[in-house]
Protein backbone atom coordinates (compact mmCIF):
# COMPACT_ATOMS: atom_id res chain seq x y z
CA MET A 1 0.00 0.00 0.00
CA THR A 2 1.39 3.43 -0.91
CA ARG A 3 1.52 6.53 1.24
CA VAL A 4 -1.10 8.17 -1.00
CA ASP A 5 -3.49 5.29 -0.32
CA ASP A 6 -2.79 5.63 3.39
CA MET A 7 -3.51 9.35 3.28
CA ARG A 8 -6.71 8.78 1.29
CA LYS A 9 -7.95 6.26 3.85
CA ALA A 10 -7.08 8.60 6.70
CA PHE A 11 -8.95 11.44 4.99
CA GLU A 12 -12.00 9.24 4.39
CA ALA A 13 -11.88 8.23 8.05
CA THR A 14 -11.92 11.90 9.03
CA ILE A 15 -15.06 12.63 7.09
CA GLY A 16 -16.81 9.35 7.76
CA ASN A 17 -17.58 7.64 11.01
CA LEU A 18 -14.29 6.15 12.13
CA THR A 19 -14.85 3.05 14.25
CA PRO A 20 -12.33 1.84 16.82
CA THR A 21 -11.69 -1.27 14.71
CA ARG A 22 -11.02 0.83 11.61
CA ALA A 23 -8.78 3.18 13.61
CA GLN A 24 -6.74 0.19 14.84
CA ALA A 25 -6.31 -1.06 11.28
CA LEU A 26 -5.23 2.38 10.03
CA ALA A 27 -2.80 2.81 12.93
CA LYS A 28 -1.19 -0.55 12.19
CA GLY A 29 -0.80 0.51 8.55
CA PHE A 30 0.89 3.79 9.48
CA LEU A 31 3.29 2.35 12.04
CA GLU A 32 6.26 0.16 11.42
CA PRO A 33 5.61 -3.58 11.43
CA GLY A 34 6.08 -4.99 14.91
CA ALA A 35 5.15 -1.72 16.68
CA ALA A 36 4.18 -2.10 20.33
CA LYS A 37 0.48 -2.66 21.05
CA GLU A 38 0.47 0.43 23.27
CA GLN A 39 1.78 2.54 20.42
CA VAL A 40 -0.87 1.18 18.05
CA ALA A 41 -3.60 1.79 20.64
CA LYS A 42 -2.43 5.36 21.29
CA THR A 43 -2.21 6.12 17.57
CA ALA A 44 -5.70 4.69 17.04
CA ALA A 45 -7.09 6.78 19.93
CA ASP A 46 -5.43 9.90 18.51
CA MET A 47 -6.95 9.16 15.11
CA MET A 48 -10.42 8.72 16.66
CA GLU A 49 -10.12 12.06 18.48
CA TRP A 50 -8.81 13.79 15.36
CA SER A 51 -11.65 12.34 13.28
CA GLN A 52 -14.33 13.47 15.73
CA ARG A 53 -12.83 16.95 16.01
CA ASN A 54 -12.70 17.35 12.22
CA ARG A 55 -16.25 16.08 11.74
CA GLN A 56 -17.42 18.69 14.25
CA ARG A 57 -15.51 21.39 12.37
CA ILE A 58 -17.16 20.32 9.12
CA ARG A 59 -20.63 20.39 10.72
CA THR A 60 -19.98 23.86 12.13
CA GLU A 61 -18.78 25.14 8.76
CA ILE A 62 -21.83 23.71 6.98
CA LYS A 63 -24.18 25.34 9.51
CA ASP A 64 -22.39 28.67 9.10
CA GLN A 65 -22.61 28.48 5.32
CA MET A 66 -26.31 27.60 5.45
CA ARG A 67 -26.98 30.47 7.84
CA GLN A 68 -25.14 32.89 5.52
CA MET A 69 -27.25 31.67 2.59
CA GLY A 70 -30.41 32.30 4.61
CA LEU A 71 -31.56 28.69 4.74
CA ALA A 72 -33.82 27.66 7.62
CA THR A 73 -32.74 24.95 10.01
CA GLN A 74 -34.89 21.88 10.69
CA ASP A 75 -35.77 23.30 14.12
CA GLU A 76 -36.94 26.55 12.54
CA LEU A 77 -39.07 24.67 10.00
CA ASP A 78 -40.62 22.53 12.73
CA ALA A 79 -41.47 25.63 14.79
CA LEU A 80 -43.02 27.26 11.73
CA ARG A 81 -45.15 24.18 10.97
CA LYS A 82 -46.36 24.11 14.56
CA ARG A 83 -47.28 27.80 14.42
CA VAL A 84 -49.20 27.35 11.15
CA ARG A 85 -51.18 24.45 12.67
CA GLU A 86 -52.04 26.60 15.68
CA LEU A 87 -53.21 29.44 13.44
CA GLU A 88 -55.26 27.08 11.28
CA ARG A 89 -56.93 25.64 14.37
CA ALA A 90 -57.69 29.12 15.67
CA ALA A 91 -59.18 30.09 12.29
CA GLY A 92 -61.23 26.90 12.11
CA MET A 93 -59.43 25.54 9.09
CA THR A 94 -58.47 21.99 8.19
CA ALA A 95 -54.97 20.88 7.25
CA SER A 96 -55.85 21.11 3.54
CA GLY A 97 -56.75 24.77 3.92
CA GLY A 98 -60.54 24.44 3.72
CA ARG A 99 -63.06 25.47 6.33
CA ARG A 100 -64.32 22.89 8.76
CA ALA A 101 -67.86 21.59 8.35
CA PRO A 102 -70.40 23.65 10.30
CA THR A 103 -71.29 22.42 13.76
CA LYS A 104 -74.81 21.42 14.85
CA LYS A 105 -75.40 24.85 16.36
CA THR A 106 -74.97 26.47 12.97
CA SER A 107 -77.45 24.09 11.30
CA THR A 108 -80.00 24.79 14.05
CA LYS A 109 -79.76 28.51 13.37
CA ARG A 110 -80.39 27.93 9.67
CA SER A 111 -83.59 26.02 10.27
CA SER A 112 -84.97 28.74 12.58
CA SER A 113 -84.15 31.41 10.00
CA LYS A 114 -86.12 29.41 7.41
CA LYS A 115 -89.16 29.44 9.69
CA THR A 116 -88.89 33.22 10.07
CA ALA A 117 -88.55 33.62 6.33
CA ALA A 118 -91.66 31.51 5.77
CA LYS A 119 -93.74 33.63 8.15
CA LYS A 120 -92.85 36.95 6.50
CA PRO A 121 -94.67 36.33 3.20
CA SER A 122 -97.89 35.31 4.98
CA THR A 123 -97.93 38.45 7.18
CA SER A 124 -97.15 40.73 4.23
CA GLY A 125 -100.07 39.19 2.28
CA ASN A 126 -102.55 40.11 5.12
CA ALA A 127 -101.51 43.71 5.41
């Protein structure tokens, strides 16, 4: 294996999720054959720490770039969805944007208004 291959694998480990087993294998590849187990273990632990630190740096950079572009985070979108649902409920709307079906109280009012409307023509005919 060449040094370039070793560096490529180390770089991939930085970006990806480096497991302890993978870190051990990479450490053995970087060290001289017959290196002490303690040295391999320390090198693997250093690689794990380095990988985690770099992944965090990448995440932070991505968040900063997204913020600069004006993109909303998942938390902001979730809060917005919740607020829209609350407003729809307060306005009596369904999730699809339509009005809810009238309640029984509304239908009772309609029937009483029909009775009043029916009485008006009969009283106007007598006058």
